Amino acid sequence: MNGIFAVIFILSCALFLFSYPDGFLSAMLSGGQKAATLSLSLLAVYCVWLGFFKVLERSGLSEKITRHTMSATRRLFRSDDREALTFAGGNLSANLLGLPGAPTPLGIKATKRFLESGNTYAADMLFVLNATSLQLLPTTVIALRLAAGSAFPADIFLPTLLATLFSSLLGGMLVFLTRRRKKQPAPLAVRRAA
C-alpha cells in the first residue's frame, strides 16, 4: 500500500511540476504546513482521549464499566472469555468516542482471543462493528473540521450518529443472519434407524 501511495505522489508531483513549475514549490510548502498543523491538532485530540482512558483505567472506573456491560457484550459476541470481552468492550468504547487509531490494539487482542477459542462469530461481529464504527462523539472529524476552519465543526454530530447507528445495526444484523451454524449430530434414535 505504501508503494502505491508513493507512486501516486511521485506521478502527481511530476505532472504538477510539468504543468505549473512556478507554483510547485509554494504548493509543496503550504501543503506541508497544513499537514503539520492538522497532525498537531489531531495529536492533541488523541492525547486528551487516551489520557482520559488511562485515568479511567487507573481509577478503577474502567473495571466497573466493564463489569456493568459484561452481560451485554457476552450476548453480543456469544462468548464467555472475560479477557476477550474486556478487550472488545474497550475497543467499542474507543470507537464510540470517534478515536479510530486508539481501539486498534484492543481489537487485535480481542480478535486473537476469539479466534484462539474457535469463536469465529465473535471475531466477525467485532470486525463488522469496527468497520461500521458507531460514533456517539465523532471527535476526529470535529477536530479535522476545526483545523480546516469550519465555523460550526460540531454540525456533523447528528448526521454522523444516525449514519453510524444505521450501519452498525445493519452490519450486526447481517453477521447474525449469515453466521455459520454448527451441524448438530443427529439424535441417537435417528442414527439407530438409519
N, C-alpha and C. Protein backbone atom coordinates (compact mmCIF):
# COMPACT_ATOMS: atom_id res chain seq x y z
N MET A 1 0.82 -1.18 0.00
CA MET A 1 0.00 0.00 0.00
C MET A 1 0.87 1.26 0.00
N ASN A 2 1.95 1.23 0.78
CA ASN A 2 2.86 2.37 0.80
C ASN A 2 3.46 2.62 -0.58
N GLY A 3 3.76 1.54 -1.28
CA GLY A 3 4.31 1.67 -2.63
C GLY A 3 3.33 2.33 -3.59
N ILE A 4 2.06 1.97 -3.47
CA ILE A 4 1.03 2.57 -4.33
C ILE A 4 0.92 4.07 -4.07
N PHE A 5 0.89 4.43 -2.76
CA PHE A 5 0.80 5.85 -2.42
C PHE A 5 2.05 6.61 -2.86
N ALA A 6 3.20 5.97 -2.75
CA ALA A 6 4.43 6.63 -3.19
C ALA A 6 4.41 6.88 -4.69
N VAL A 7 3.94 5.91 -5.47
CA VAL A 7 3.86 6.07 -6.93
C VAL A 7 2.88 7.17 -7.28
N ILE A 8 1.71 7.20 -6.60
CA ILE A 8 0.72 8.24 -6.87
C ILE A 8 1.29 9.62 -6.55
N PHE A 9 2.00 9.72 -5.42
CA PHE A 9 2.59 11.00 -5.03
C PHE A 9 3.63 11.46 -6.05
N ILE A 10 4.51 10.56 -6.46
CA ILE A 10 5.57 10.92 -7.42
C ILE A 10 4.98 11.32 -8.77
N LEU A 11 3.97 10.57 -9.24
CA LEU A 11 3.33 10.93 -10.51
C LEU A 11 2.62 12.28 -10.41
N SER A 12 1.94 12.53 -9.28
CA SER A 12 1.26 13.81 -9.10
C SER A 12 2.26 14.97 -9.10
N CYS A 13 3.37 14.77 -8.38
CA CYS A 13 4.40 15.82 -8.34
C CYS A 13 4.98 16.07 -9.73
N ALA A 14 5.22 15.01 -10.48
CA ALA A 14 5.80 15.17 -11.82
C ALA A 14 4.83 15.91 -12.74
N LEU A 15 3.54 15.56 -12.69
CA LEU A 15 2.55 16.23 -13.52
C LEU A 15 2.40 17.70 -13.14
N PHE A 16 2.38 17.97 -11.83
CA PHE A 16 2.25 19.34 -11.36
C PHE A 16 3.47 20.16 -11.73
N LEU A 17 4.65 19.57 -11.58
CA LEU A 17 5.89 20.27 -11.92
C LEU A 17 5.96 20.57 -13.41
N PHE A 18 5.45 19.64 -14.22
CA PHE A 18 5.45 19.82 -15.66
C PHE A 18 4.43 20.88 -16.11
N SER A 19 3.22 20.84 -15.49
CA SER A 19 2.16 21.75 -15.94
C SER A 19 2.24 23.14 -15.33
N TYR A 20 2.76 23.25 -14.09
CA TYR A 20 2.81 24.56 -13.42
C TYR A 20 4.07 24.63 -12.57
N PRO A 21 5.24 24.78 -13.19
CA PRO A 21 6.51 24.73 -12.46
C PRO A 21 6.69 25.88 -11.46
N ASP A 22 6.08 27.06 -11.73
CA ASP A 22 6.26 28.19 -10.81
C ASP A 22 5.55 27.98 -9.48
N GLY A 23 4.44 27.27 -9.48
CA GLY A 23 3.66 27.09 -8.25
C GLY A 23 4.00 25.82 -7.48
N PHE A 24 4.92 25.02 -8.02
CA PHE A 24 5.21 23.72 -7.40
C PHE A 24 5.78 23.87 -6.00
N LEU A 25 6.82 24.68 -5.85
CA LEU A 25 7.48 24.81 -4.55
C LEU A 25 6.56 25.44 -3.51
N SER A 26 5.82 26.48 -3.88
CA SER A 26 4.93 27.13 -2.92
C SER A 26 3.80 26.19 -2.50
N ALA A 27 3.29 25.40 -3.44
CA ALA A 27 2.23 24.42 -3.11
C ALA A 27 2.76 23.34 -2.17
N MET A 28 3.98 22.89 -2.41
CA MET A 28 4.58 21.86 -1.54
C MET A 28 4.78 22.41 -0.12
N LEU A 29 5.26 23.65 -0.01
CA LEU A 29 5.50 24.24 1.31
C LEU A 29 4.20 24.50 2.06
N SER A 30 3.18 25.04 1.37
CA SER A 30 1.91 25.30 2.06
C SER A 30 1.21 23.99 2.41
N GLY A 31 1.33 22.99 1.55
CA GLY A 31 0.75 21.68 1.86
C GLY A 31 1.42 21.04 3.06
N GLY A 32 2.75 21.16 3.14
CA GLY A 32 3.47 20.63 4.30
C GLY A 32 3.09 21.34 5.58
N GLN A 33 2.90 22.67 5.50
CA GLN A 33 2.50 23.44 6.69
C GLN A 33 1.10 23.03 7.14
N LYS A 34 0.17 22.86 6.20
CA LYS A 34 -1.19 22.43 6.56
C LYS A 34 -1.18 21.02 7.16
N ALA A 35 -0.36 20.13 6.60
CA ALA A 35 -0.28 18.76 7.12
C ALA A 35 0.27 18.75 8.55
N ALA A 36 1.27 19.58 8.81
CA ALA A 36 1.84 19.65 10.16
C ALA A 36 0.83 20.21 11.15
N THR A 37 0.10 21.24 10.76
CA THR A 37 -0.93 21.83 11.63
C THR A 37 -2.02 20.82 11.94
N LEU A 38 -2.47 20.12 10.91
CA LEU A 38 -3.51 19.11 11.09
C LEU A 38 -3.03 17.97 11.98
N SER A 39 -1.81 17.53 11.78
CA SER A 39 -1.25 16.44 12.60
C SER A 39 -1.17 16.85 14.06
N LEU A 40 -0.75 18.07 14.33
CA LEU A 40 -0.66 18.54 15.71
C LEU A 40 -2.02 18.66 16.37
N SER A 41 -3.02 19.13 15.63
CA SER A 41 -4.36 19.25 16.22
C SER A 41 -4.94 17.86 16.49
N LEU A 42 -4.73 16.90 15.59
CA LEU A 42 -5.20 15.53 15.84
C LEU A 42 -4.44 14.89 16.99
N LEU A 43 -3.16 15.18 17.10
CA LEU A 43 -2.36 14.65 18.20
C LEU A 43 -2.90 15.14 19.53
N ALA A 44 -3.30 16.40 19.59
CA ALA A 44 -3.86 16.95 20.82
C ALA A 44 -5.15 16.24 21.19
N VAL A 45 -6.02 15.97 20.20
CA VAL A 45 -7.28 15.27 20.48
C VAL A 45 -6.99 13.86 20.98
N TYR A 46 -6.07 13.15 20.32
CA TYR A 46 -5.73 11.79 20.76
C TYR A 46 -5.14 11.79 22.16
N CYS A 47 -4.28 12.74 22.45
CA CYS A 47 -3.66 12.80 23.79
C CYS A 47 -4.72 12.98 24.86
N VAL A 48 -5.69 13.86 24.61
CA VAL A 48 -6.75 14.09 25.60
C VAL A 48 -7.54 12.82 25.85
N TRP A 49 -7.98 12.15 24.78
CA TRP A 49 -8.83 10.98 24.98
C TRP A 49 -8.06 9.78 25.49
N LEU A 50 -6.83 9.59 25.03
CA LEU A 50 -6.04 8.47 25.56
C LEU A 50 -5.71 8.71 27.03
N GLY A 51 -5.47 9.97 27.40
CA GLY A 51 -5.28 10.30 28.81
C GLY A 51 -6.54 10.03 29.61
N PHE A 52 -7.69 10.35 29.03
CA PHE A 52 -8.98 10.08 29.68
C PHE A 52 -9.15 8.59 29.93
N PHE A 53 -8.80 7.76 28.92
CA PHE A 53 -8.89 6.30 29.10
C PHE A 53 -7.93 5.81 30.18
N LYS A 54 -6.75 6.40 30.26
CA LYS A 54 -5.78 5.99 31.27
C LYS A 54 -6.27 6.36 32.67
N VAL A 55 -6.89 7.53 32.81
CA VAL A 55 -7.46 7.92 34.10
C VAL A 55 -8.59 6.97 34.49
N LEU A 56 -9.44 6.61 33.53
CA LEU A 56 -10.50 5.64 33.81
C LEU A 56 -9.92 4.31 34.28
N GLU A 57 -8.85 3.87 33.62
CA GLU A 57 -8.22 2.60 33.96
C GLU A 57 -7.62 2.63 35.36
N ARG A 58 -6.87 3.70 35.67
CA ARG A 58 -6.19 3.77 36.97
C ARG A 58 -7.14 4.02 38.12
N SER A 59 -8.25 4.69 37.86
CA SER A 59 -9.20 4.97 38.94
C SER A 59 -10.10 3.77 39.24
N GLY A 60 -10.09 2.78 38.38
CA GLY A 60 -10.94 1.61 38.58
C GLY A 60 -12.30 1.73 37.94
N LEU A 61 -12.60 2.90 37.35
CA LEU A 61 -13.90 3.07 36.70
C LEU A 61 -14.03 2.20 35.46
N SER A 62 -12.91 1.98 34.79
CA SER A 62 -12.94 1.12 33.60
C SER A 62 -13.40 -0.29 33.96
N GLU A 63 -12.90 -0.81 35.07
CA GLU A 63 -13.30 -2.14 35.52
C GLU A 63 -14.78 -2.18 35.89
N LYS A 64 -15.27 -1.12 36.54
CA LYS A 64 -16.69 -1.06 36.91
C LYS A 64 -17.57 -0.99 35.67
N ILE A 65 -17.17 -0.18 34.71
CA ILE A 65 -17.94 -0.08 33.46
C ILE A 65 -17.95 -1.42 32.75
N THR A 66 -16.80 -2.08 32.72
CA THR A 66 -16.71 -3.40 32.07
C THR A 66 -17.62 -4.39 32.77
N ARG A 67 -17.63 -4.35 34.09
CA ARG A 67 -18.47 -5.28 34.86
C ARG A 67 -19.95 -5.05 34.54
N HIS A 68 -20.35 -3.79 34.41
CA HIS A 68 -21.76 -3.49 34.14
C HIS A 68 -22.17 -3.80 32.71
N THR A 69 -21.23 -3.72 31.79
CA THR A 69 -21.55 -4.00 30.38
C THR A 69 -21.20 -5.42 29.96
N MET A 70 -20.69 -6.23 30.90
CA MET A 70 -20.24 -7.59 30.55
C MET A 70 -21.38 -8.45 30.02
N SER A 71 -22.56 -8.37 30.61
CA SER A 71 -23.66 -9.22 30.14
C SER A 71 -24.07 -8.84 28.71
N ALA A 72 -24.06 -7.54 28.41
CA ALA A 72 -24.42 -7.12 27.05
C ALA A 72 -23.37 -7.57 26.04
N THR A 73 -22.08 -7.41 26.38
CA THR A 73 -21.04 -7.85 25.43
C THR A 73 -21.00 -9.37 25.32
N ARG A 74 -21.32 -10.06 26.41
CA ARG A 74 -21.38 -11.53 26.36
C ARG A 74 -22.46 -11.98 25.38
N ARG A 75 -23.62 -11.33 25.42
CA ARG A 75 -24.70 -11.69 24.50
C ARG A 75 -24.36 -11.27 23.06
N LEU A 76 -23.76 -10.10 22.91
CA LEU A 76 -23.43 -9.60 21.58
C LEU A 76 -22.42 -10.50 20.88
N PHE A 77 -21.37 -10.91 21.60
CA PHE A 77 -20.30 -11.70 20.99
C PHE A 77 -20.44 -13.20 21.22
N ARG A 78 -21.41 -13.60 22.02
CA ARG A 78 -21.64 -15.03 22.32
C ARG A 78 -20.36 -15.70 22.79
N SER A 79 -19.77 -15.11 23.81
CA SER A 79 -18.51 -15.61 24.35
C SER A 79 -18.53 -15.49 25.87
N ASP A 80 -17.78 -16.38 26.52
CA ASP A 80 -17.62 -16.32 27.97
C ASP A 80 -16.19 -15.97 28.36
N ASP A 81 -15.33 -15.69 27.38
CA ASP A 81 -13.94 -15.33 27.63
C ASP A 81 -13.90 -13.89 28.16
N ARG A 82 -13.71 -13.75 29.47
CA ARG A 82 -13.78 -12.43 30.11
C ARG A 82 -12.72 -11.47 29.57
N GLU A 83 -11.52 -11.97 29.35
CA GLU A 83 -10.45 -11.09 28.87
C GLU A 83 -10.73 -10.59 27.45
N ALA A 84 -11.20 -11.49 26.60
CA ALA A 84 -11.54 -11.09 25.23
C ALA A 84 -12.69 -10.09 25.23
N LEU A 85 -13.67 -10.30 26.09
CA LEU A 85 -14.81 -9.38 26.17
C LEU A 85 -14.38 -8.01 26.71
N THR A 86 -13.40 -8.01 27.64
CA THR A 86 -12.88 -6.75 28.15
C THR A 86 -12.18 -5.98 27.04
N PHE A 87 -11.35 -6.66 26.24
CA PHE A 87 -10.68 -6.01 25.12
C PHE A 87 -11.70 -5.50 24.10
N ALA A 88 -12.71 -6.33 23.79
CA ALA A 88 -13.72 -5.94 22.80
C ALA A 88 -14.53 -4.75 23.30
N GLY A 89 -14.87 -4.73 24.59
CA GLY A 89 -15.61 -3.61 25.16
C GLY A 89 -14.81 -2.32 25.11
N GLY A 90 -13.51 -2.40 25.41
CA GLY A 90 -12.65 -1.22 25.32
C GLY A 90 -12.53 -0.73 23.89
N ASN A 91 -12.44 -1.67 22.96
CA ASN A 91 -12.37 -1.33 21.54
C ASN A 91 -13.62 -0.58 21.10
N LEU A 92 -14.79 -1.11 21.47
CA LEU A 92 -16.04 -0.48 21.05
C LEU A 92 -16.22 0.89 21.71
N SER A 93 -15.82 1.01 22.98
CA SER A 93 -15.99 2.30 23.66
C SER A 93 -15.07 3.37 23.05
N ALA A 94 -13.86 2.99 22.63
CA ALA A 94 -12.97 3.95 21.97
C ALA A 94 -13.54 4.36 20.61
N ASN A 95 -14.16 3.42 19.92
CA ASN A 95 -14.81 3.74 18.65
C ASN A 95 -16.00 4.67 18.86
N LEU A 96 -16.73 4.48 19.95
CA LEU A 96 -17.88 5.34 20.24
C LEU A 96 -17.45 6.80 20.39
N LEU A 97 -16.23 7.01 20.88
CA LEU A 97 -15.72 8.36 21.06
C LEU A 97 -15.02 8.90 19.81
N GLY A 98 -15.05 8.12 18.73
CA GLY A 98 -14.50 8.60 17.46
C GLY A 98 -13.00 8.61 17.38
N LEU A 99 -12.34 7.67 18.06
CA LEU A 99 -10.88 7.59 18.02
C LEU A 99 -10.47 6.37 17.20
N PRO A 100 -10.32 6.50 15.89
CA PRO A 100 -10.07 5.33 15.05
C PRO A 100 -8.73 4.65 15.29
N GLY A 101 -7.71 5.33 15.77
CA GLY A 101 -6.41 4.70 15.99
C GLY A 101 -6.30 4.05 17.35
N ALA A 102 -6.96 4.59 18.34
CA ALA A 102 -6.83 4.10 19.71
C ALA A 102 -7.35 2.69 19.93
N PRO A 103 -8.48 2.29 19.33
CA PRO A 103 -9.01 0.96 19.65
C PRO A 103 -8.34 -0.20 18.92
N THR A 104 -7.46 0.09 17.97
CA THR A 104 -6.88 -0.99 17.15
C THR A 104 -6.16 -2.06 17.96
N PRO A 105 -5.25 -1.71 18.90
CA PRO A 105 -4.58 -2.76 19.66
C PRO A 105 -5.55 -3.62 20.48
N LEU A 106 -6.58 -2.98 21.05
CA LEU A 106 -7.57 -3.74 21.81
C LEU A 106 -8.36 -4.68 20.90
N GLY A 107 -8.70 -4.21 19.71
CA GLY A 107 -9.42 -5.05 18.76
C GLY A 107 -8.61 -6.23 18.29
N ILE A 108 -7.30 -6.02 18.08
CA ILE A 108 -6.43 -7.13 17.67
C ILE A 108 -6.34 -8.17 18.77
N LYS A 109 -6.17 -7.72 20.02
CA LYS A 109 -6.09 -8.66 21.15
C LYS A 109 -7.39 -9.44 21.29
N ALA A 110 -8.52 -8.75 21.19
CA ALA A 110 -9.82 -9.42 21.33
C ALA A 110 -10.03 -10.43 20.21
N THR A 111 -9.68 -10.06 18.98
CA THR A 111 -9.86 -10.97 17.84
C THR A 111 -8.99 -12.21 17.99
N LYS A 112 -7.74 -12.03 18.44
CA LYS A 112 -6.86 -13.18 18.67
C LYS A 112 -7.46 -14.12 19.69
N ARG A 113 -7.97 -13.57 20.78
CA ARG A 113 -8.58 -14.41 21.83
C ARG A 113 -9.81 -15.14 21.31
N PHE A 114 -10.64 -14.44 20.55
CA PHE A 114 -11.84 -15.07 20.00
C PHE A 114 -11.47 -16.20 19.04
N LEU A 115 -10.48 -15.96 18.18
CA LEU A 115 -10.09 -16.98 17.20
C LEU A 115 -9.38 -18.16 17.87
N GLU A 116 -8.59 -17.89 18.92
CA GLU A 116 -7.94 -18.99 19.64
C GLU A 116 -8.96 -19.92 20.27
N SER A 117 -10.09 -19.36 20.70
CA SER A 117 -11.13 -20.19 21.32
C SER A 117 -12.08 -20.76 20.28
N GLY A 118 -11.86 -20.47 19.00
CA GLY A 118 -12.69 -21.01 17.93
C GLY A 118 -13.99 -20.26 17.73
N ASN A 119 -14.12 -19.08 18.30
CA ASN A 119 -15.35 -18.30 18.19
C ASN A 119 -15.24 -17.33 17.01
N THR A 120 -15.46 -17.84 15.80
CA THR A 120 -15.36 -17.00 14.60
C THR A 120 -16.51 -16.00 14.53
N TYR A 121 -17.65 -16.35 15.11
CA TYR A 121 -18.78 -15.43 15.12
C TYR A 121 -18.41 -14.13 15.84
N ALA A 122 -17.77 -14.25 17.01
CA ALA A 122 -17.38 -13.06 17.79
C ALA A 122 -16.35 -12.24 17.02
N ALA A 123 -15.39 -12.91 16.38
CA ALA A 123 -14.37 -12.19 15.61
C ALA A 123 -15.02 -11.46 14.43
N ASP A 124 -15.96 -12.12 13.75
CA ASP A 124 -16.66 -11.48 12.63
C ASP A 124 -17.47 -10.28 13.11
N MET A 125 -18.18 -10.45 14.23
CA MET A 125 -19.01 -9.37 14.75
C MET A 125 -18.14 -8.16 15.14
N LEU A 126 -17.00 -8.42 15.79
CA LEU A 126 -16.11 -7.33 16.18
C LEU A 126 -15.57 -6.61 14.95
N PHE A 127 -15.21 -7.37 13.92
CA PHE A 127 -14.70 -6.77 12.69
C PHE A 127 -15.75 -5.86 12.06
N VAL A 128 -16.99 -6.34 11.96
CA VAL A 128 -18.05 -5.56 11.34
C VAL A 128 -18.37 -4.32 12.16
N LEU A 129 -18.42 -4.46 13.49
CA LEU A 129 -18.71 -3.30 14.34
C LEU A 129 -17.59 -2.26 14.28
N ASN A 130 -16.37 -2.71 14.05
CA ASN A 130 -15.26 -1.76 13.87
C ASN A 130 -15.36 -1.08 12.51
N ALA A 131 -15.76 -1.82 11.50
CA ALA A 131 -15.87 -1.24 10.15
C ALA A 131 -17.01 -0.22 10.09
N THR A 132 -18.12 -0.53 10.75
CA THR A 132 -19.26 0.39 10.73
C THR A 132 -19.09 1.50 11.76
N SER A 133 -18.43 1.22 12.86
CA SER A 133 -17.97 2.18 13.86
C SER A 133 -19.02 3.18 14.32
N LEU A 134 -19.97 2.71 15.14
CA LEU A 134 -20.95 3.60 15.75
C LEU A 134 -20.21 4.68 16.54
N GLN A 135 -20.53 5.94 16.27
CA GLN A 135 -19.82 7.05 16.93
C GLN A 135 -20.81 7.97 17.62
N LEU A 136 -20.74 7.99 18.93
CA LEU A 136 -21.55 8.93 19.70
C LEU A 136 -20.94 10.32 19.66
N LEU A 137 -19.62 10.36 19.61
CA LEU A 137 -18.91 11.64 19.60
C LEU A 137 -17.79 11.57 18.57
N PRO A 138 -18.02 12.05 17.35
CA PRO A 138 -17.01 11.96 16.29
C PRO A 138 -15.88 12.98 16.48
N THR A 139 -15.05 12.75 17.47
CA THR A 139 -14.02 13.73 17.84
C THR A 139 -13.00 13.97 16.73
N THR A 140 -12.62 12.92 16.02
CA THR A 140 -11.61 13.09 14.96
C THR A 140 -12.14 13.97 13.84
N VAL A 141 -13.37 13.73 13.41
CA VAL A 141 -13.94 14.52 12.31
C VAL A 141 -14.17 15.96 12.77
N ILE A 142 -14.60 16.14 14.00
CA ILE A 142 -14.78 17.50 14.52
C ILE A 142 -13.44 18.24 14.56
N ALA A 143 -12.39 17.52 14.98
CA ALA A 143 -11.06 18.14 15.01
C ALA A 143 -10.58 18.49 13.60
N LEU A 144 -10.85 17.62 12.64
CA LEU A 144 -10.47 17.92 11.24
C LEU A 144 -11.22 19.15 10.72
N ARG A 145 -12.50 19.23 11.02
CA ARG A 145 -13.29 20.39 10.58
C ARG A 145 -12.82 21.67 11.26
N LEU A 146 -12.47 21.57 12.53
CA LEU A 146 -11.97 22.72 13.27
C LEU A 146 -10.64 23.21 12.68
N ALA A 147 -9.76 22.25 12.37
CA ALA A 147 -8.46 22.60 11.79
C ALA A 147 -8.61 23.21 10.39
N ALA A 148 -9.67 22.80 9.68
CA ALA A 148 -9.91 23.34 8.34
C ALA A 148 -10.61 24.69 8.37
N GLY A 149 -10.96 25.17 9.58
CA GLY A 149 -11.55 26.50 9.70
C GLY A 149 -13.06 26.52 9.63
N SER A 150 -13.72 25.40 9.91
CA SER A 150 -15.18 25.35 9.87
C SER A 150 -15.77 26.26 10.96
N ALA A 151 -16.81 26.99 10.61
CA ALA A 151 -17.47 27.88 11.58
C ALA A 151 -18.24 27.07 12.63
N PHE A 152 -18.80 25.93 12.21
CA PHE A 152 -19.58 25.08 13.10
C PHE A 152 -19.09 23.63 12.95
N PRO A 153 -17.94 23.30 13.55
CA PRO A 153 -17.36 21.97 13.33
C PRO A 153 -18.19 20.82 13.90
N ALA A 154 -19.05 21.08 14.88
CA ALA A 154 -19.83 20.01 15.50
C ALA A 154 -21.18 19.79 14.82
N ASP A 155 -21.44 20.47 13.71
CA ASP A 155 -22.71 20.30 12.99
C ASP A 155 -22.92 18.88 12.48
N ILE A 156 -21.86 18.13 12.36
CA ILE A 156 -21.96 16.78 11.82
C ILE A 156 -22.35 15.75 12.89
N PHE A 157 -22.56 16.19 14.12
CA PHE A 157 -22.84 15.26 15.22
C PHE A 157 -24.05 14.37 14.92
N LEU A 158 -25.22 14.96 14.66
CA LEU A 158 -26.43 14.17 14.44
C LEU A 158 -26.37 13.33 13.17
N PRO A 159 -25.95 13.87 12.01
CA PRO A 159 -25.85 13.01 10.82
C PRO A 159 -24.89 11.84 11.02
N THR A 160 -23.76 12.10 11.70
CA THR A 160 -22.80 11.02 11.94
C THR A 160 -23.40 9.96 12.84
N LEU A 161 -24.08 10.40 13.89
CA LEU A 161 -24.71 9.45 14.82
C LEU A 161 -25.74 8.59 14.10
N LEU A 162 -26.60 9.20 13.30
CA LEU A 162 -27.64 8.44 12.61
C LEU A 162 -27.05 7.49 11.57
N ALA A 163 -26.07 7.97 10.80
CA ALA A 163 -25.47 7.12 9.76
C ALA A 163 -24.73 5.93 10.37
N THR A 164 -23.94 6.18 11.41
CA THR A 164 -23.18 5.07 12.00
C THR A 164 -24.07 4.13 12.81
N LEU A 165 -25.15 4.66 13.40
CA LEU A 165 -26.11 3.79 14.10
C LEU A 165 -26.77 2.84 13.11
N PHE A 166 -27.21 3.38 11.98
CA PHE A 166 -27.84 2.54 10.96
C PHE A 166 -26.86 1.51 10.41
N SER A 167 -25.64 1.93 10.09
CA SER A 167 -24.68 0.98 9.51
C SER A 167 -24.28 -0.09 10.53
N SER A 168 -24.15 0.26 11.80
CA SER A 168 -23.79 -0.73 12.82
C SER A 168 -24.92 -1.72 13.04
N LEU A 169 -26.16 -1.23 13.10
CA LEU A 169 -27.30 -2.14 13.26
C LEU A 169 -27.44 -3.08 12.07
N LEU A 170 -27.30 -2.53 10.87
CA LEU A 170 -27.40 -3.35 9.67
C LEU A 170 -26.27 -4.38 9.60
N GLY A 171 -25.05 -3.93 9.87
CA GLY A 171 -23.91 -4.85 9.83
C GLY A 171 -24.03 -5.95 10.87
N GLY A 172 -24.40 -5.58 12.11
CA GLY A 172 -24.57 -6.59 13.16
C GLY A 172 -25.67 -7.58 12.83
N MET A 173 -26.76 -7.09 12.25
CA MET A 173 -27.86 -7.97 11.87
C MET A 173 -27.44 -8.94 10.76
N LEU A 174 -26.66 -8.44 9.80
CA LEU A 174 -26.20 -9.32 8.71
C LEU A 174 -25.24 -10.38 9.22
N VAL A 175 -24.37 -10.02 10.17
CA VAL A 175 -23.47 -11.03 10.75
C VAL A 175 -24.29 -12.10 11.48
N PHE A 176 -25.29 -11.65 12.22
CA PHE A 176 -26.14 -12.58 12.95
C PHE A 176 -26.90 -13.50 12.00
N LEU A 177 -27.43 -12.96 10.92
CA LEU A 177 -28.22 -13.76 9.98
C LEU A 177 -27.38 -14.69 9.13
N THR A 178 -26.12 -14.32 8.88
CA THR A 178 -25.28 -15.15 8.00
C THR A 178 -24.25 -15.98 8.76
N ARG A 179 -24.39 -16.04 10.08
CA ARG A 179 -23.41 -16.80 10.87
C ARG A 179 -23.43 -18.26 10.45
N ARG A 180 -22.28 -18.87 10.59
CA ARG A 180 -22.16 -20.30 10.26
C ARG A 180 -22.74 -21.11 11.41
N ARG A 181 -23.71 -21.90 11.08
CA ARG A 181 -24.32 -22.74 12.10
C ARG A 181 -23.59 -24.06 12.15
N LYS A 182 -23.25 -24.48 13.37
CA LYS A 182 -22.58 -25.77 13.51
C LYS A 182 -23.60 -26.88 13.28
N LYS A 183 -23.16 -27.90 12.57
CA LYS A 183 -24.06 -29.02 12.33
C LYS A 183 -24.19 -29.81 13.62
N GLN A 184 -25.42 -29.97 14.05
CA GLN A 184 -25.69 -30.74 15.26
C GLN A 184 -25.73 -32.23 14.88
N PRO A 185 -25.15 -33.09 15.73
CA PRO A 185 -25.25 -34.51 15.43
C PRO A 185 -26.71 -34.96 15.49
N ALA A 186 -27.05 -35.90 14.63
CA ALA A 186 -28.42 -36.39 14.60
C ALA A 186 -28.74 -37.08 15.93
N PRO A 187 -30.00 -37.01 16.38
CA PRO A 187 -30.38 -37.69 17.60
C PRO A 187 -30.09 -39.18 17.51
N LEU A 188 -29.86 -39.81 18.67
CA LEU A 188 -29.49 -41.23 18.72
C LEU A 188 -30.53 -42.11 18.06
N ALA A 189 -31.81 -41.81 18.25
CA ALA A 189 -32.88 -42.64 17.66
C ALA A 189 -32.83 -42.60 16.14
N VAL A 190 -32.53 -41.45 15.57
CA VAL A 190 -32.44 -41.32 14.12
C VAL A 190 -31.24 -42.08 13.60
N ARG A 191 -30.10 -42.05 14.34
CA ARG A 191 -28.91 -42.78 13.90
C ARG A 191 -29.14 -44.29 13.94
N ARG A 192 -29.87 -44.76 14.94
CA ARG A 192 -30.14 -46.20 15.02
C ARG A 192 -31.05 -46.64 13.89
N ALA A 193 -32.02 -45.79 13.53
CA ALA A 193 -32.95 -46.15 12.47
C ALA A 193 -32.25 -46.20 11.11
N ALA A 194 -31.22 -45.39 10.97
CA ALA A 194 -30.51 -45.34 9.69
C ALA A 194 -29.61 -46.56 9.62
